[in-house]
Amino acid sequence: MNKRIVPASMQGFYDDYHFAPAVVDGDHLRVSGVIGIDLAAGSVPADPYTQFTQAFDNLAEVLTAGGSDFAAITEMTTFHVGLREHLGVFMAVKDRYVKEPYPAWTAIGTPELALEGALVEIRVTARLTGG
């Protein structure tokens, strides 16, 4: 059976919505969609830059808990409300976290996400680094 990764700050998602933030699958970590929610406050920042930064910080927490990191990401899929409007800001934030060699990346526009006010959801697959 695959190992479920549930950082303490995300236990509520596991309990309430019945999904694991990540799963160890062989030599890979498969991370569920992560949004820019401030986990301590329980809210999504309205400012896109702040929200995207929070999403990548949340992703970092899951990657670390699962024994991986940004350099080990092999594939990334992002879902965006207002894709064209916010793509430049998103890419500026993404490039602070995801460095060369870049992973495969697909960006998809969508009319809404599960949490009101959420502008992005980031899903990744990463190699395990043993960290």
N, C-alpha and C. Protein backbone atom coordinates (compact mmCIF):
# COMPACT_ATOMS: atom_id res chain seq x y z
N MET A 1 0.84 -1.18 0.00
CA MET A 1 0.00 0.00 0.00
C MET A 1 0.89 1.25 0.00
N ASN A 2 0.46 2.28 -0.68
CA ASN A 2 1.19 3.53 -0.75
C ASN A 2 1.04 4.31 0.56
N LYS A 3 2.08 5.06 0.90
CA LYS A 3 2.09 5.86 2.13
C LYS A 3 1.40 7.20 1.89
N ARG A 4 0.52 7.59 2.78
CA ARG A 4 -0.17 8.87 2.71
C ARG A 4 0.65 9.92 3.46
N ILE A 5 0.77 11.10 2.89
CA ILE A 5 1.48 12.20 3.51
C ILE A 5 0.46 13.26 3.92
N VAL A 6 0.37 13.52 5.22
CA VAL A 6 -0.58 14.49 5.74
C VAL A 6 0.15 15.36 6.77
N PRO A 7 0.70 16.51 6.33
CA PRO A 7 1.32 17.41 7.30
C PRO A 7 0.28 17.83 8.35
N ALA A 8 0.73 18.07 9.57
CA ALA A 8 -0.18 18.40 10.67
C ALA A 8 -1.10 19.57 10.31
N SER A 9 -0.57 20.58 9.61
CA SER A 9 -1.38 21.76 9.28
C SER A 9 -2.48 21.45 8.27
N MET A 10 -2.41 20.27 7.63
CA MET A 10 -3.38 19.90 6.59
C MET A 10 -4.26 18.72 7.01
N GLN A 11 -4.18 18.33 8.29
CA GLN A 11 -4.97 17.20 8.78
C GLN A 11 -6.47 17.46 8.57
N GLY A 12 -6.90 18.70 8.71
CA GLY A 12 -8.31 19.03 8.52
C GLY A 12 -8.81 18.71 7.12
N PHE A 13 -7.97 18.93 6.10
CA PHE A 13 -8.36 18.58 4.73
C PHE A 13 -8.56 17.07 4.61
N TYR A 14 -7.65 16.31 5.21
CA TYR A 14 -7.75 14.85 5.18
C TYR A 14 -9.04 14.39 5.86
N ASP A 15 -9.30 14.96 7.03
CA ASP A 15 -10.48 14.57 7.81
C ASP A 15 -11.79 15.04 7.19
N ASP A 16 -11.83 16.29 6.73
CA ASP A 16 -13.09 16.87 6.25
C ASP A 16 -13.40 16.55 4.79
N TYR A 17 -12.36 16.50 3.96
CA TYR A 17 -12.58 16.32 2.52
C TYR A 17 -12.14 14.96 2.01
N HIS A 18 -11.58 14.15 2.89
CA HIS A 18 -11.23 12.76 2.59
C HIS A 18 -10.27 12.61 1.42
N PHE A 19 -9.15 13.34 1.48
CA PHE A 19 -8.07 13.15 0.52
C PHE A 19 -6.75 13.41 1.21
N ALA A 20 -5.71 12.74 0.71
CA ALA A 20 -4.36 12.94 1.24
C ALA A 20 -3.70 14.07 0.46
N PRO A 21 -3.02 14.98 1.15
CA PRO A 21 -2.28 16.01 0.45
C PRO A 21 -1.22 15.44 -0.50
N ALA A 22 -0.70 14.26 -0.17
CA ALA A 22 0.26 13.61 -1.07
C ALA A 22 0.28 12.11 -0.78
N VAL A 23 0.80 11.38 -1.76
CA VAL A 23 0.95 9.93 -1.64
C VAL A 23 2.33 9.56 -2.18
N VAL A 24 3.06 8.74 -1.41
CA VAL A 24 4.30 8.17 -1.92
C VAL A 24 3.92 6.99 -2.79
N ASP A 25 4.38 7.04 -4.04
CA ASP A 25 4.05 6.03 -5.04
C ASP A 25 5.37 5.55 -5.65
N GLY A 26 5.91 4.46 -5.09
CA GLY A 26 7.21 3.97 -5.56
C GLY A 26 8.28 4.99 -5.22
N ASP A 27 8.96 5.48 -6.25
CA ASP A 27 10.03 6.47 -6.08
C ASP A 27 9.54 7.90 -6.28
N HIS A 28 8.22 8.08 -6.31
CA HIS A 28 7.67 9.41 -6.58
C HIS A 28 6.69 9.84 -5.49
N LEU A 29 6.59 11.15 -5.35
CA LEU A 29 5.60 11.77 -4.48
C LEU A 29 4.57 12.41 -5.39
N ARG A 30 3.33 12.03 -5.25
CA ARG A 30 2.25 12.61 -6.03
C ARG A 30 1.46 13.54 -5.09
N VAL A 31 1.52 14.83 -5.39
CA VAL A 31 0.92 15.84 -4.53
C VAL A 31 -0.42 16.28 -5.09
N SER A 32 -1.45 16.21 -4.25
CA SER A 32 -2.78 16.70 -4.63
C SER A 32 -2.71 18.19 -4.91
N GLY A 33 -3.75 18.71 -5.52
CA GLY A 33 -3.79 20.15 -5.76
C GLY A 33 -3.67 20.94 -4.48
N VAL A 34 -2.75 21.91 -4.47
CA VAL A 34 -2.49 22.77 -3.32
C VAL A 34 -2.93 24.18 -3.71
N ILE A 35 -3.65 24.83 -2.82
CA ILE A 35 -4.10 26.19 -3.09
C ILE A 35 -3.41 27.17 -2.15
N GLY A 36 -3.63 28.45 -2.36
CA GLY A 36 -2.98 29.49 -1.59
C GLY A 36 -3.72 29.89 -0.34
N ILE A 37 -4.18 28.92 0.41
CA ILE A 37 -4.88 29.22 1.66
C ILE A 37 -3.85 29.44 2.78
N ASP A 38 -4.07 30.46 3.57
CA ASP A 38 -3.28 30.67 4.77
C ASP A 38 -3.83 29.66 5.78
N LEU A 39 -3.08 28.59 6.02
CA LEU A 39 -3.58 27.49 6.83
C LEU A 39 -3.85 27.90 8.27
N ALA A 40 -3.07 28.82 8.80
CA ALA A 40 -3.28 29.28 10.18
C ALA A 40 -4.56 30.11 10.30
N ALA A 41 -4.79 30.98 9.31
CA ALA A 41 -5.97 31.86 9.36
C ALA A 41 -7.21 31.21 8.76
N GLY A 42 -7.00 30.21 7.90
CA GLY A 42 -8.13 29.54 7.25
C GLY A 42 -8.76 30.35 6.15
N SER A 43 -7.99 31.28 5.56
CA SER A 43 -8.55 32.12 4.50
C SER A 43 -7.58 32.22 3.32
N VAL A 44 -8.14 32.62 2.19
CA VAL A 44 -7.37 32.79 0.96
C VAL A 44 -7.10 34.28 0.78
N PRO A 45 -5.83 34.69 0.69
CA PRO A 45 -5.54 36.10 0.46
C PRO A 45 -6.14 36.60 -0.85
N ALA A 46 -6.65 37.81 -0.87
CA ALA A 46 -7.25 38.37 -2.09
C ALA A 46 -6.19 38.77 -3.11
N ASP A 47 -5.03 39.20 -2.66
CA ASP A 47 -3.95 39.64 -3.55
C ASP A 47 -3.33 38.44 -4.27
N PRO A 48 -3.33 38.43 -5.61
CA PRO A 48 -2.79 37.28 -6.34
C PRO A 48 -1.35 36.93 -5.97
N TYR A 49 -0.46 37.91 -5.86
CA TYR A 49 0.94 37.62 -5.54
C TYR A 49 1.05 36.93 -4.18
N THR A 50 0.35 37.44 -3.20
CA THR A 50 0.36 36.85 -1.86
C THR A 50 -0.23 35.45 -1.89
N GLN A 51 -1.34 35.28 -2.61
CA GLN A 51 -1.98 33.97 -2.69
C GLN A 51 -1.08 32.95 -3.40
N PHE A 52 -0.44 33.34 -4.49
CA PHE A 52 0.44 32.40 -5.19
C PHE A 52 1.64 32.03 -4.34
N THR A 53 2.18 33.01 -3.62
CA THR A 53 3.30 32.72 -2.71
C THR A 53 2.86 31.74 -1.63
N GLN A 54 1.68 31.95 -1.09
CA GLN A 54 1.16 31.03 -0.07
C GLN A 54 0.98 29.63 -0.64
N ALA A 55 0.50 29.53 -1.87
CA ALA A 55 0.32 28.22 -2.50
C ALA A 55 1.66 27.49 -2.61
N PHE A 56 2.70 28.19 -3.04
CA PHE A 56 4.01 27.55 -3.15
C PHE A 56 4.60 27.24 -1.77
N ASP A 57 4.33 28.07 -0.77
CA ASP A 57 4.77 27.75 0.59
C ASP A 57 4.06 26.49 1.10
N ASN A 58 2.76 26.37 0.82
CA ASN A 58 2.01 25.17 1.20
C ASN A 58 2.55 23.94 0.47
N LEU A 59 2.86 24.12 -0.82
CA LEU A 59 3.44 23.02 -1.60
C LEU A 59 4.78 22.60 -1.00
N ALA A 60 5.59 23.56 -0.59
CA ALA A 60 6.89 23.25 0.03
C ALA A 60 6.70 22.40 1.27
N GLU A 61 5.69 22.71 2.06
CA GLU A 61 5.42 21.93 3.27
C GLU A 61 5.11 20.48 2.94
N VAL A 62 4.29 20.26 1.91
CA VAL A 62 3.93 18.90 1.53
C VAL A 62 5.15 18.17 0.95
N LEU A 63 5.89 18.85 0.08
CA LEU A 63 7.09 18.23 -0.50
C LEU A 63 8.06 17.79 0.59
N THR A 64 8.32 18.67 1.55
CA THR A 64 9.24 18.35 2.63
C THR A 64 8.74 17.18 3.46
N ALA A 65 7.46 17.20 3.81
CA ALA A 65 6.89 16.11 4.61
C ALA A 65 6.95 14.78 3.88
N GLY A 66 6.91 14.85 2.55
CA GLY A 66 6.95 13.62 1.76
C GLY A 66 8.33 13.17 1.34
N GLY A 67 9.36 13.92 1.73
CA GLY A 67 10.73 13.53 1.39
C GLY A 67 11.15 13.97 0.01
N SER A 68 10.73 15.17 -0.39
CA SER A 68 11.08 15.68 -1.70
C SER A 68 11.30 17.19 -1.61
N ASP A 69 11.51 17.81 -2.77
CA ASP A 69 11.71 19.26 -2.81
C ASP A 69 11.40 19.78 -4.21
N PHE A 70 11.49 21.09 -4.38
CA PHE A 70 11.14 21.70 -5.67
C PHE A 70 12.04 21.21 -6.81
N ALA A 71 13.31 20.98 -6.53
CA ALA A 71 14.24 20.54 -7.57
C ALA A 71 13.88 19.15 -8.11
N ALA A 72 13.14 18.38 -7.34
CA ALA A 72 12.79 17.01 -7.73
C ALA A 72 11.46 16.92 -8.48
N ILE A 73 10.77 18.06 -8.68
CA ILE A 73 9.50 18.04 -9.40
C ILE A 73 9.76 17.68 -10.87
N THR A 74 9.02 16.68 -11.35
CA THR A 74 9.14 16.26 -12.76
C THR A 74 7.96 16.72 -13.59
N GLU A 75 6.82 16.92 -12.94
CA GLU A 75 5.62 17.34 -13.67
C GLU A 75 4.78 18.24 -12.77
N MET A 76 4.25 19.30 -13.37
CA MET A 76 3.40 20.24 -12.64
C MET A 76 2.20 20.59 -13.51
N THR A 77 1.03 20.52 -12.90
CA THR A 77 -0.20 20.98 -13.56
C THR A 77 -0.80 22.04 -12.66
N THR A 78 -1.13 23.19 -13.25
CA THR A 78 -1.74 24.27 -12.49
C THR A 78 -3.09 24.61 -13.09
N PHE A 79 -4.03 24.87 -12.21
CA PHE A 79 -5.39 25.24 -12.61
C PHE A 79 -5.60 26.68 -12.15
N HIS A 80 -6.03 27.55 -13.06
CA HIS A 80 -6.10 28.98 -12.80
C HIS A 80 -7.48 29.57 -13.06
N VAL A 81 -7.96 30.36 -12.12
CA VAL A 81 -9.10 31.23 -12.36
C VAL A 81 -8.48 32.56 -12.83
N GLY A 82 -8.82 32.99 -14.03
CA GLY A 82 -8.20 34.19 -14.59
C GLY A 82 -6.79 33.92 -15.09
N LEU A 83 -6.61 32.82 -15.79
CA LEU A 83 -5.28 32.39 -16.25
C LEU A 83 -4.51 33.50 -16.95
N ARG A 84 -5.07 34.08 -17.98
CA ARG A 84 -4.36 35.11 -18.75
C ARG A 84 -4.12 36.36 -17.92
N GLU A 85 -5.08 36.71 -17.09
CA GLU A 85 -4.96 37.92 -16.27
C GLU A 85 -3.81 37.81 -15.26
N HIS A 86 -3.63 36.62 -14.69
CA HIS A 86 -2.67 36.46 -13.59
C HIS A 86 -1.42 35.69 -13.95
N LEU A 87 -1.27 35.26 -15.21
CA LEU A 87 -0.15 34.39 -15.56
C LEU A 87 1.21 35.03 -15.29
N GLY A 88 1.37 36.30 -15.60
CA GLY A 88 2.65 36.97 -15.37
C GLY A 88 3.04 36.97 -13.90
N VAL A 89 2.07 37.28 -13.02
CA VAL A 89 2.32 37.28 -11.59
C VAL A 89 2.62 35.86 -11.11
N PHE A 90 1.84 34.90 -11.60
CA PHE A 90 2.06 33.51 -11.20
C PHE A 90 3.47 33.05 -11.59
N MET A 91 3.88 33.36 -12.82
CA MET A 91 5.20 32.93 -13.27
C MET A 91 6.31 33.58 -12.45
N ALA A 92 6.14 34.84 -12.07
CA ALA A 92 7.15 35.51 -11.24
C ALA A 92 7.30 34.80 -9.90
N VAL A 93 6.19 34.40 -9.30
CA VAL A 93 6.25 33.67 -8.04
C VAL A 93 6.81 32.27 -8.26
N LYS A 94 6.30 31.57 -9.26
CA LYS A 94 6.76 30.21 -9.55
C LYS A 94 8.27 30.16 -9.73
N ASP A 95 8.81 31.14 -10.44
CA ASP A 95 10.25 31.14 -10.73
C ASP A 95 11.11 31.38 -9.49
N ARG A 96 10.52 31.84 -8.40
CA ARG A 96 11.25 31.94 -7.13
C ARG A 96 11.44 30.58 -6.49
N TYR A 97 10.57 29.62 -6.82
CA TYR A 97 10.58 28.30 -6.20
C TYR A 97 11.09 27.21 -7.15
N VAL A 98 10.66 27.26 -8.39
CA VAL A 98 10.97 26.21 -9.37
C VAL A 98 12.08 26.72 -10.29
N LYS A 99 13.24 26.07 -10.23
CA LYS A 99 14.42 26.50 -10.98
C LYS A 99 14.76 25.48 -12.08
N GLU A 100 15.68 25.87 -12.95
CA GLU A 100 16.15 24.95 -13.99
C GLU A 100 16.86 23.77 -13.34
N PRO A 101 16.75 22.59 -13.94
CA PRO A 101 15.97 22.27 -15.13
C PRO A 101 14.48 22.20 -14.78
N TYR A 102 13.69 22.89 -15.58
CA TYR A 102 12.26 23.01 -15.30
C TYR A 102 11.52 21.71 -15.55
N PRO A 103 10.46 21.46 -14.77
CA PRO A 103 9.63 20.28 -14.99
C PRO A 103 8.68 20.49 -16.17
N ALA A 104 8.06 19.41 -16.60
CA ALA A 104 6.95 19.52 -17.55
C ALA A 104 5.85 20.30 -16.82
N TRP A 105 5.17 21.22 -17.55
CA TRP A 105 4.17 22.05 -16.90
C TRP A 105 3.00 22.28 -17.85
N THR A 106 1.80 22.08 -17.34
CA THR A 106 0.57 22.38 -18.06
C THR A 106 -0.24 23.35 -17.20
N ALA A 107 -0.64 24.48 -17.79
CA ALA A 107 -1.47 25.47 -17.11
C ALA A 107 -2.86 25.44 -17.74
N ILE A 108 -3.88 25.27 -16.92
CA ILE A 108 -5.25 25.13 -17.40
C ILE A 108 -6.12 26.22 -16.78
N GLY A 109 -6.87 26.92 -17.61
CA GLY A 109 -7.84 27.90 -17.13
C GLY A 109 -9.13 27.21 -16.73
N THR A 110 -9.74 27.68 -15.66
CA THR A 110 -10.98 27.09 -15.17
C THR A 110 -11.86 28.21 -14.59
N PRO A 111 -13.18 28.08 -14.64
CA PRO A 111 -14.03 29.15 -14.12
C PRO A 111 -14.01 29.28 -12.60
N GLU A 112 -13.76 28.19 -11.87
CA GLU A 112 -13.73 28.28 -10.42
C GLU A 112 -12.97 27.10 -9.84
N LEU A 113 -12.56 27.28 -8.57
CA LEU A 113 -11.92 26.21 -7.80
C LEU A 113 -12.78 25.93 -6.58
N ALA A 114 -12.43 24.92 -5.83
CA ALA A 114 -13.28 24.46 -4.72
C ALA A 114 -13.49 25.51 -3.63
N LEU A 115 -12.47 26.32 -3.37
CA LEU A 115 -12.56 27.33 -2.31
C LEU A 115 -12.80 28.69 -2.92
N GLU A 116 -13.82 29.38 -2.45
CA GLU A 116 -14.13 30.70 -2.98
C GLU A 116 -12.92 31.64 -2.82
N GLY A 117 -12.62 32.35 -3.89
CA GLY A 117 -11.50 33.28 -3.89
C GLY A 117 -10.19 32.67 -4.33
N ALA A 118 -10.11 31.33 -4.40
CA ALA A 118 -8.87 30.68 -4.84
C ALA A 118 -8.65 30.96 -6.32
N LEU A 119 -7.43 31.37 -6.65
CA LEU A 119 -7.07 31.68 -8.03
C LEU A 119 -6.21 30.63 -8.68
N VAL A 120 -5.58 29.76 -7.87
CA VAL A 120 -4.71 28.73 -8.45
C VAL A 120 -4.73 27.48 -7.58
N GLU A 121 -4.57 26.35 -8.24
CA GLU A 121 -4.37 25.06 -7.58
C GLU A 121 -3.19 24.41 -8.29
N ILE A 122 -2.21 23.95 -7.52
CA ILE A 122 -0.97 23.41 -8.07
C ILE A 122 -0.86 21.93 -7.71
N ARG A 123 -0.71 21.10 -8.73
CA ARG A 123 -0.56 19.65 -8.54
C ARG A 123 0.78 19.24 -9.13
N VAL A 124 1.57 18.45 -8.39
CA VAL A 124 2.88 18.05 -8.88
C VAL A 124 3.16 16.57 -8.64
N THR A 125 4.09 16.07 -9.42
CA THR A 125 4.73 14.79 -9.18
C THR A 125 6.22 15.09 -9.04
N ALA A 126 6.82 14.51 -7.99
CA ALA A 126 8.24 14.75 -7.73
C ALA A 126 8.93 13.44 -7.37
N ARG A 127 10.21 13.36 -7.68
CA ARG A 127 11.01 12.22 -7.24
C ARG A 127 11.23 12.35 -5.74
N LEU A 128 11.36 11.23 -5.08
CA LEU A 128 11.72 11.25 -3.65
C LEU A 128 13.20 11.57 -3.56
N THR A 129 13.55 12.44 -2.63
CA THR A 129 14.95 12.83 -2.46
C THR A 129 15.53 12.27 -1.16
N GLY A 130 14.67 11.68 -0.34
CA GLY A 130 15.14 11.16 0.92
C GLY A 130 15.24 12.21 2.01
N GLY A 131 14.74 13.43 1.72
CA GLY A 131 14.85 14.54 2.66
C GLY A 131 13.85 14.57 3.70
